[in-house]
Amino acid sequence: MESSLPSTQISDSGDSAERKNEAKNYNEVMSTFPKVKGLNGYDYYLYQGFWYAPFFLEGLLSVQERFNPQSTDIFVASCPKTGTTWLKALTFAIFTRSRLSGSTTSSLLTKMPHDCVPFLEYHLAQNPSNRDLAIPLVSTHVPCTCLPKSIISSCCKIIYISRDAKDAFVSLWYFLARLQMSKNVEPLPLEEAFELFCNGIANFGPYWDHVLGYWRASFEFPDIVLDIRGNEERHRCSC
């Protein structure tokens, strides 16, 4: 995720020492992976055909190993900067509207969508209990082919949203540029960032491999994966 981390707090489960040892083991594994400098100047690691920032790769390794979904879970999947916040808000509003009555108001009025729908590779990687089990929504930026096998085998539903690659890149670059400047760091020039993006060097990238993975899954498992895109982009993607 090329964005600031959601503000949901990680609950103290009393196993901090165990988590530290786990993180150390993952770091040792990650040190053997190919790496390059990413769009934000930090190292990205290549794992199962995709590039990841260290924090999210550690989270992915954790959930691949131990995540147990509910059979009723619905995963809101996306590549960074392609409509994640919008889709989270929309799905959360749909799934909670039947709860609203009288003075009850939606959590979206007081919380960000990222706080309402937990991230698989962030919140649940840190602690599987960081979710409201009554709301079967989980978000992820993880590519389809890298999702924990438990998700596929449990027949969970997946909603995937994508965006024109040019728009996704521009949104990503502006976001990272603002983030870098807030830290008094000169952002990567647009031309250099564009070259990296086209070469697949982006968090959870290559972008087109990310899109194609879910697109193909939507044909292979049409009752499980819903791919949200316009007809024109779907036509181009099939070429």
C-alpha atoms as a PDB file:
ATOM      1  CA  MET A   1       0.000   0.000   0.000  1.00  0.00           C
ATOM      2  CA  GLU A   2       1.545   3.264  -1.078  1.00  0.00           C
ATOM      3  CA  SER A   3      -0.282   5.213   1.584  1.00  0.00           C
ATOM      4  CA  SER A   4      -0.151   6.139   5.220  1.00  0.00           C
ATOM      5  CA  LEU A   5      -1.082   3.337   7.546  1.00  0.00           C
ATOM      6  CA  PRO A   6      -4.628   3.197   8.853  1.00  0.00           C
ATOM      7  CA  SER A   7      -4.999   4.558  12.354  1.00  0.00           C
ATOM      8  CA  THR A   8      -6.610   1.480  13.887  1.00  0.00           C
ATOM      9  CA  GLN A   9      -4.632   0.501  16.950  1.00  0.00           C
ATOM     10  CA  ILE A  10      -3.105  -2.950  17.291  1.00  0.00           C
ATOM     11  CA  SER A  11      -4.455  -4.613  20.392  1.00  0.00           C
ATOM     12  CA  ASP A  12      -2.013  -6.000  22.936  1.00  0.00           C
ATOM     13  CA  SER A  13      -2.432  -9.757  22.828  1.00  0.00           C
ATOM     14  CA  GLY A  14       0.433 -10.432  25.222  1.00  0.00           C
ATOM     15  CA  ASP A  15       2.576 -12.156  22.610  1.00  0.00           C
ATOM     16  CA  SER A  16       4.820  -9.217  21.646  1.00  0.00           C
ATOM     17  CA  ALA A  17       7.957 -11.297  22.192  1.00  0.00           C
ATOM     18  CA  GLU A  18       6.624 -13.981  19.890  1.00  0.00           C
ATOM     19  CA  ARG A  19       5.774 -11.379  17.237  1.00  0.00           C
ATOM     20  CA  LYS A  20       9.292  -9.917  17.485  1.00  0.00           C
ATOM     21  CA  ASN A  21      10.821 -13.345  16.946  1.00  0.00           C
ATOM     22  CA  GLU A  22       8.483 -13.939  14.023  1.00  0.00           C
ATOM     23  CA  ALA A  23       9.439 -10.596  12.482  1.00  0.00           C
ATOM     24  CA  LYS A  24      13.124 -11.443  12.893  1.00  0.00           C
ATOM     25  CA  ASN A  25      12.605 -14.746  11.102  1.00  0.00           C
ATOM     26  CA  TYR A  26      10.733 -13.039   8.268  1.00  0.00           C
ATOM     27  CA  ASN A  27      13.481 -10.434   7.943  1.00  0.00           C
ATOM     28  CA  GLU A  28      16.025 -13.209   7.578  1.00  0.00           C
ATOM     29  CA  VAL A  29      13.934 -14.804   4.832  1.00  0.00           C
ATOM     30  CA  MET A  30      13.404 -11.469   3.096  1.00  0.00           C
ATOM     31  CA  SER A  31      17.153 -10.794   3.051  1.00  0.00           C
ATOM     32  CA  THR A  32      17.500 -13.610   0.491  1.00  0.00           C
ATOM     33  CA  PHE A  33      15.029 -12.038  -1.966  1.00  0.00           C
ATOM     34  CA  PRO A  34      16.023  -9.766  -4.893  1.00  0.00           C
ATOM     35  CA  LYS A  35      15.600  -6.080  -4.058  1.00  0.00           C
ATOM     36  CA  VAL A  36      15.615  -2.691  -5.789  1.00  0.00           C
ATOM     37  CA  LYS A  37      15.053   0.930  -4.831  1.00  0.00           C
ATOM     38  CA  GLY A  38      11.353   1.743  -5.080  1.00  0.00           C
ATOM     39  CA  LEU A  39       9.415   4.875  -5.948  1.00  0.00           C
ATOM     40  CA  ASN A  40       9.765   6.223  -2.406  1.00  0.00           C
ATOM     41  CA  GLY A  41      13.511   5.576  -2.209  1.00  0.00           C
ATOM     42  CA  TYR A  42      13.215   2.522   0.023  1.00  0.00           C
ATOM     43  CA  ASP A  43      14.035  -1.070  -0.834  1.00  0.00           C
ATOM     44  CA  TYR A  44      11.341  -3.198  -2.443  1.00  0.00           C
ATOM     45  CA  TYR A  45      11.653  -6.990  -2.347  1.00  0.00           C
ATOM     46  CA  LEU A  46      10.613  -9.388  -5.108  1.00  0.00           C
ATOM     47  CA  TYR A  47       8.433 -12.235  -3.855  1.00  0.00           C
ATOM     48  CA  GLN A  48       6.319 -14.583  -5.964  1.00  0.00           C
ATOM     49  CA  GLY A  49       6.649 -12.260  -8.944  1.00  0.00           C
ATOM     50  CA  PHE A  50       5.657  -8.998  -7.186  1.00  0.00           C
ATOM     51  CA  TRP A  51       7.488  -6.161  -5.435  1.00  0.00           C
ATOM     52  CA  TYR A  52       6.767  -5.259  -1.821  1.00  0.00           C
ATOM     53  CA  ALA A  53       7.908  -2.745   0.749  1.00  0.00           C
ATOM     54  CA  PRO A  54       9.414  -4.646   3.726  1.00  0.00           C
ATOM     55  CA  PHE A  55       6.579  -3.937   6.158  1.00  0.00           C
ATOM     56  CA  PHE A  56       3.876  -5.272   3.862  1.00  0.00           C
ATOM     57  CA  LEU A  57       5.938  -8.245   2.733  1.00  0.00           C
ATOM     58  CA  GLU A  58       6.390  -9.215   6.362  1.00  0.00           C
ATOM     59  CA  GLY A  59       2.626  -8.961   6.823  1.00  0.00           C
ATOM     60  CA  LEU A  60       1.988 -11.040   3.705  1.00  0.00           C
ATOM     61  CA  LEU A  61       4.349 -13.789   4.833  1.00  0.00           C
ATOM     62  CA  SER A  62       2.540 -13.861   8.159  1.00  0.00           C
ATOM     63  CA  VAL A  63      -0.980 -14.179   6.746  1.00  0.00           C
ATOM     64  CA  GLN A  64       0.101 -16.707   4.121  1.00  0.00           C
ATOM     65  CA  GLU A  65       1.252 -18.883   6.977  1.00  0.00           C
ATOM     66  CA  ARG A  66      -1.513 -18.529   9.524  1.00  0.00           C
ATOM     67  CA  PHE A  67      -4.578 -16.588   8.354  1.00  0.00           C
ATOM     68  CA  ASN A  68      -7.898 -18.407   8.791  1.00  0.00           C
ATOM     69  CA  PRO A  69     -10.796 -16.615   7.083  1.00  0.00           C
ATOM     70  CA  GLN A  70     -14.477 -17.006   7.739  1.00  0.00           C
ATOM     71  CA  SER A  71     -16.353 -18.668   4.898  1.00  0.00           C
ATOM     72  CA  THR A  72     -18.587 -15.574   4.782  1.00  0.00           C
ATOM     73  CA  ASP A  73     -15.697 -13.119   4.375  1.00  0.00           C
ATOM     74  CA  ILE A  74     -15.729 -10.671   1.493  1.00  0.00           C
ATOM     75  CA  PHE A  75     -12.344  -9.308   0.446  1.00  0.00           C
ATOM     76  CA  VAL A  76     -12.158  -5.822  -1.046  1.00  0.00           C
ATOM     77  CA  ALA A  77      -9.047  -6.062  -3.218  1.00  0.00           C
ATOM     78  CA  SER A  78      -7.177  -3.407  -5.166  1.00  0.00           C
ATOM     79  CA  CYS A  79      -3.805  -2.135  -6.224  1.00  0.00           C
ATOM     80  CA  PRO A  80      -2.782   1.064  -4.376  1.00  0.00           C
ATOM     81  CA  LYS A  81      -4.369   4.311  -5.613  1.00  0.00           C
ATOM     82  CA  THR A  82      -7.102   2.661  -7.680  1.00  0.00           C
ATOM     83  CA  GLY A  83     -10.204   3.440  -5.621  1.00  0.00           C
ATOM     84  CA  THR A  84      -9.556   1.530  -2.398  1.00  0.00           C
ATOM     85  CA  THR A  85     -11.015   4.139  -0.051  1.00  0.00           C
ATOM     86  CA  TRP A  86     -14.119   4.620  -2.212  1.00  0.00           C
ATOM     87  CA  LEU A  87     -14.812   0.880  -2.477  1.00  0.00           C
ATOM     88  CA  LYS A  88     -14.281   0.374   1.257  1.00  0.00           C
ATOM     89  CA  ALA A  89     -16.754   3.126   2.070  1.00  0.00           C
ATOM     90  CA  LEU A  90     -19.304   1.788  -0.401  1.00  0.00           C
ATOM     91  CA  THR A  91     -19.152  -1.836   0.729  1.00  0.00           C
ATOM     92  CA  PHE A  92     -19.127  -0.895   4.410  1.00  0.00           C
ATOM     93  CA  ALA A  93     -22.192   1.332   3.938  1.00  0.00           C
ATOM     94  CA  ILE A  94     -24.045  -1.460   2.145  1.00  0.00           C
ATOM     95  CA  PHE A  95     -23.277  -4.080   4.776  1.00  0.00           C
ATOM     96  CA  THR A  96     -24.132  -1.913   7.752  1.00  0.00           C
ATOM     97  CA  ARG A  97     -27.207  -0.022   6.543  1.00  0.00           C
ATOM     98  CA  SER A  98     -29.581  -2.667   7.941  1.00  0.00           C
ATOM     99  CA  ARG A  99     -28.123  -2.003  11.387  1.00  0.00           C
ATOM    100  CA  LEU A 100     -28.937   1.679  11.306  1.00  0.00           C
ATOM    101  CA  SER A 101     -32.127   2.737  13.053  1.00  0.00           C
ATOM    102  CA  GLY A 102     -33.245   5.666  15.104  1.00  0.00           C
ATOM    103  CA  SER A 103     -30.256   7.433  16.616  1.00  0.00           C
ATOM    104  CA  THR A 104     -27.723   4.922  15.316  1.00  0.00           C
ATOM    105  CA  THR A 105     -25.341   6.510  12.820  1.00  0.00           C
ATOM    106  CA  SER A 106     -22.802   5.018  10.442  1.00  0.00           C
ATOM    107  CA  SER A 107     -19.207   4.687  11.603  1.00  0.00           C
ATOM    108  CA  LEU A 108     -18.238   6.375   8.346  1.00  0.00           C
ATOM    109  CA  LEU A 109     -19.389   9.684   9.848  1.00  0.00           C
ATOM    110  CA  THR A 110     -16.657   9.532  12.486  1.00  0.00           C
ATOM    111  CA  LYS A 111     -14.041   7.190  11.025  1.00  0.00           C
ATOM    112  CA  MET A 112     -12.062   6.822   7.843  1.00  0.00           C
ATOM    113  CA  PRO A 113     -13.001   3.851   5.635  1.00  0.00           C
ATOM    114  CA  HIS A 114      -9.542   2.388   6.360  1.00  0.00           C
ATOM    115  CA  ASP A 115     -10.519   2.244  10.026  1.00  0.00           C
ATOM    116  CA  CYS A 116     -13.815   0.541   9.253  1.00  0.00           C
ATOM    117  CA  VAL A 117     -12.482  -2.192   6.979  1.00  0.00           C
ATOM    118  CA  PRO A 118      -9.237  -3.785   8.217  1.00  0.00           C
ATOM    119  CA  PHE A 119      -6.281  -4.547   5.958  1.00  0.00           C
ATOM    120  CA  LEU A 120      -5.302  -8.204   5.683  1.00  0.00           C
ATOM    121  CA  GLU A 121      -1.561  -7.525   5.411  1.00  0.00           C
ATOM    122  CA  TYR A 122      -1.573  -4.876   8.135  1.00  0.00           C
ATOM    123  CA  HIS A 123      -4.270  -5.165  10.813  1.00  0.00           C
ATOM    124  CA  LEU A 124      -4.908  -8.897  10.609  1.00  0.00           C
ATOM    125  CA  ALA A 125      -1.263  -9.758  10.107  1.00  0.00           C
ATOM    126  CA  GLN A 126      -0.532  -8.031  13.411  1.00  0.00           C
ATOM    127  CA  ASN A 127      -3.480  -9.570  15.227  1.00  0.00           C
ATOM    128  CA  PRO A 128      -6.306 -11.645  13.680  1.00  0.00           C
ATOM    129  CA  SER A 129      -8.736 -10.227  16.247  1.00  0.00           C
ATOM    130  CA  ASN A 130      -8.427  -6.718  14.807  1.00  0.00           C
ATOM    131  CA  ARG A 131     -11.819  -6.903  13.134  1.00  0.00           C
ATOM    132  CA  ASP A 132     -15.544  -6.886  13.786  1.00  0.00           C
ATOM    133  CA  LEU A 133     -16.593 -10.460  12.991  1.00  0.00           C
ATOM    134  CA  ALA A 134     -20.169  -9.283  12.425  1.00  0.00           C
ATOM    135  CA  ILE A 135     -18.983  -7.290   9.399  1.00  0.00           C
ATOM    136  CA  PRO A 136     -17.411  -9.764   6.950  1.00  0.00           C
ATOM    137  CA  LEU A 137     -15.254  -7.207   5.141  1.00  0.00           C
ATOM    138  CA  VAL A 138     -11.475  -7.365   4.792  1.00  0.00           C
ATOM    139  CA  SER A 139      -9.375  -5.276   2.423  1.00  0.00           C
ATOM    140  CA  THR A 140      -6.110  -6.156   0.734  1.00  0.00           C
ATOM    141  CA  HIS A 141      -3.608  -4.960  -1.852  1.00  0.00           C
ATOM    142  CA  VAL A 142      -2.127  -8.451  -2.182  1.00  0.00           C
ATOM    143  CA  PRO A 143      -2.083  -9.827  -5.759  1.00  0.00           C
ATOM    144  CA  CYS A 144      -4.543 -12.639  -6.433  1.00  0.00           C
ATOM    145  CA  THR A 145      -1.863 -15.279  -6.958  1.00  0.00           C
ATOM    146  CA  CYS A 146      -0.247 -14.378  -3.617  1.00  0.00           C
ATOM    147  CA  LEU A 147      -3.355 -14.521  -1.432  1.00  0.00           C
ATOM    148  CA  PRO A 148      -3.275 -17.086   1.387  1.00  0.00           C
ATOM    149  CA  LYS A 149      -4.449 -20.458   0.082  1.00  0.00           C
ATOM    150  CA  SER A 150      -6.966 -20.527   2.935  1.00  0.00           C
ATOM    151  CA  ILE A 151      -8.910 -17.697   1.265  1.00  0.00           C
ATOM    152  CA  ILE A 152      -9.297 -19.553  -2.012  1.00  0.00           C
ATOM    153  CA  SER A 153     -10.093 -22.907  -0.408  1.00  0.00           C
ATOM    154  CA  SER A 154     -12.781 -21.397   1.836  1.00  0.00           C
ATOM    155  CA  CYS A 155     -14.612 -19.920  -1.186  1.00  0.00           C
ATOM    156  CA  CYS A 156     -14.599 -16.395   0.234  1.00  0.00           C
ATOM    157  CA  LYS A 157     -15.938 -13.696  -2.075  1.00  0.00           C
ATOM    158  CA  ILE A 158     -13.573 -11.153  -3.616  1.00  0.00           C
ATOM    159  CA  ILE A 159     -14.447  -7.733  -5.065  1.00  0.00           C
ATOM    160  CA  TYR A 160     -11.598  -6.259  -7.108  1.00  0.00           C
ATOM    161  CA  ILE A 161     -11.403  -2.701  -8.360  1.00  0.00           C
ATOM    162  CA  SER A 162      -8.909  -1.388 -10.912  1.00  0.00           C
ATOM    163  CA  ARG A 163      -8.226   1.878 -12.670  1.00  0.00           C
ATOM    164  CA  ASP A 164      -6.567   3.077 -15.834  1.00  0.00           C
ATOM    165  CA  ALA A 165      -2.827   2.589 -15.307  1.00  0.00           C
ATOM    166  CA  LYS A 166      -2.024   6.213 -16.211  1.00  0.00           C
ATOM    167  CA  ASP A 167      -4.433   7.539 -13.590  1.00  0.00           C
ATOM    168  CA  ALA A 168      -3.155   5.088 -10.978  1.00  0.00           C
ATOM    169  CA  PHE A 169       0.452   6.146 -11.608  1.00  0.00           C
ATOM    170  CA  VAL A 170      -0.225   9.884 -11.478  1.00  0.00           C
ATOM    171  CA  SER A 171      -2.229   9.515  -8.262  1.00  0.00           C
ATOM    172  CA  LEU A 172       0.542   7.392  -6.769  1.00  0.00           C
ATOM    173  CA  TRP A 173       3.295   9.818  -7.736  1.00  0.00           C
ATOM    174  CA  TYR A 174       1.498  12.860  -6.323  1.00  0.00           C
ATOM    175  CA  PHE A 175       0.759  11.010  -3.115  1.00  0.00           C
ATOM    176  CA  LEU A 176       4.379   9.901  -2.651  1.00  0.00           C
ATOM    177  CA  ALA A 177       5.685  13.331  -3.619  1.00  0.00           C
ATOM    178  CA  ARG A 178       3.562  15.002  -0.921  1.00  0.00           C
ATOM    179  CA  LEU A 179       4.656  12.396   1.593  1.00  0.00           C
ATOM    180  CA  GLN A 180       8.331  12.874   0.765  1.00  0.00           C
ATOM    181  CA  MET A 181       8.099  16.663   0.888  1.00  0.00           C
ATOM    182  CA  SER A 182       6.406  16.469   4.308  1.00  0.00           C
ATOM    183  CA  LYS A 183       9.624  14.778   5.464  1.00  0.00           C
ATOM    184  CA  ASN A 184      11.792  17.405   3.752  1.00  0.00           C
ATOM    185  CA  VAL A 185      12.894  14.817   1.198  1.00  0.00           C
ATOM    186  CA  GLU A 186      13.084  15.664  -2.485  1.00  0.00           C
ATOM    187  CA  PRO A 187      10.572  13.470  -4.349  1.00  0.00           C
ATOM    188  CA  LEU A 188      11.651  11.286  -7.228  1.00  0.00           C
ATOM    189  CA  PRO A 189      11.247  13.177 -10.547  1.00  0.00           C
ATOM    190  CA  LEU A 190       8.093  12.250 -12.440  1.00  0.00           C
ATOM    191  CA  GLU A 191      10.044  10.856 -15.407  1.00  0.00           C
ATOM    192  CA  GLU A 192      12.162   8.544 -13.238  1.00  0.00           C
ATOM    193  CA  ALA A 193       9.138   7.386 -11.271  1.00  0.00           C
ATOM    194  CA  PHE A 194       7.286   6.693 -14.521  1.00  0.00           C
ATOM    195  CA  GLU A 195      10.175   4.553 -15.767  1.00  0.00           C
ATOM    196  CA  LEU A 196      10.145   2.511 -12.567  1.00  0.00           C
ATOM    197  CA  PHE A 197       6.374   2.085 -12.694  1.00  0.00           C
ATOM    198  CA  CYS A 198       6.496   0.917 -16.323  1.00  0.00           C
ATOM    199  CA  ASN A 199       9.149  -1.617 -15.311  1.00  0.00           C
ATOM    200  CA  GLY A 200       6.837  -2.946 -12.621  1.00  0.00           C
ATOM    201  CA  ILE A 201       8.741  -1.421  -9.706  1.00  0.00           C
ATOM    202  CA  ALA A 202       5.893  -0.323  -7.442  1.00  0.00           C
ATOM    203  CA  ASN A 203       4.554  -1.584  -4.143  1.00  0.00           C
ATOM    204  CA  PHE A 204       2.414  -4.663  -4.965  1.00  0.00           C
ATOM    205  CA  GLY A 205       3.456  -4.274  -8.617  1.00  0.00           C
ATOM    206  CA  PRO A 206       3.854  -4.859 -11.524  1.00  0.00           C
ATOM    207  CA  TYR A 207       0.541  -3.085 -11.917  1.00  0.00           C
ATOM    208  CA  TRP A 208      -0.699  -4.939 -14.994  1.00  0.00           C
ATOM    209  CA  ASP A 209       0.177  -8.336 -13.501  1.00  0.00           C
ATOM    210  CA  HIS A 210      -1.865  -7.336 -10.454  1.00  0.00           C
ATOM    211  CA  VAL A 211      -4.859  -6.405 -12.627  1.00  0.00           C
ATOM    212  CA  LEU A 212      -4.562  -9.447 -14.875  1.00  0.00           C
ATOM    213  CA  GLY A 213      -4.387 -11.840 -11.926  1.00  0.00           C
ATOM    214  CA  TYR A 214      -7.802 -10.834 -10.621  1.00  0.00           C
ATOM    215  CA  TRP A 215      -9.224 -10.438 -14.124  1.00  0.00           C
ATOM    216  CA  ARG A 216      -8.322 -14.027 -14.990  1.00  0.00           C
ATOM    217  CA  ALA A 217      -9.635 -15.254 -11.636  1.00  0.00           C
ATOM    218  CA  SER A 218     -12.969 -13.552 -12.360  1.00  0.00           C
ATOM    219  CA  PHE A 219     -13.363 -15.833 -15.387  1.00  0.00           C
ATOM    220  CA  GLU A 220     -12.054 -18.942 -13.671  1.00  0.00           C
ATOM    221  CA  PHE A 221     -14.144 -18.394 -10.527  1.00  0.00           C
ATOM    222  CA  PRO A 222     -17.054 -16.149 -11.632  1.00  0.00           C
ATOM    223  CA  ASP A 223     -19.088 -16.970  -8.518  1.00  0.00           C
ATOM    224  CA  ILE A 224     -16.252 -15.905  -6.244  1.00  0.00           C
ATOM    225  CA  VAL A 225     -14.413 -12.988  -7.892  1.00  0.00           C
ATOM    226  CA  LEU A 226     -16.150  -9.805  -9.072  1.00  0.00           C
ATOM    227  CA  ASP A 227     -13.913  -7.624 -11.246  1.00  0.00           C
ATOM    228  CA  ILE A 228     -15.110  -3.992 -11.365  1.00  0.00           C
ATOM    229  CA  ARG A 229     -13.934  -2.189 -14.496  1.00  0.00           C
ATOM    230  CA  GLY A 230     -15.349  -0.433 -17.535  1.00  0.00           C
ATOM    231  CA  ASN A 231     -16.081  -2.372 -20.730  1.00  0.00           C
ATOM    232  CA  GLU A 232     -13.397  -0.537 -22.673  1.00  0.00           C
ATOM    233  CA  GLU A 233     -10.683  -1.404 -20.186  1.00  0.00           C
ATOM    234  CA  ARG A 234     -11.903  -5.005 -19.961  1.00  0.00           C
ATOM    235  CA  HIS A 235     -11.652  -5.259 -23.754  1.00  0.00           C
ATOM    236  CA  ARG A 236      -8.114  -3.891 -23.794  1.00  0.00           C
ATOM    237  CA  CYS A 237      -7.117  -6.230 -20.986  1.00  0.00           C
ATOM    238  CA  SER A 238      -8.167  -9.294 -22.985  1.00  0.00           C
ATOM    239  CA  CYS A 239      -5.719  -8.533 -25.778  1.00  0.00           C
END
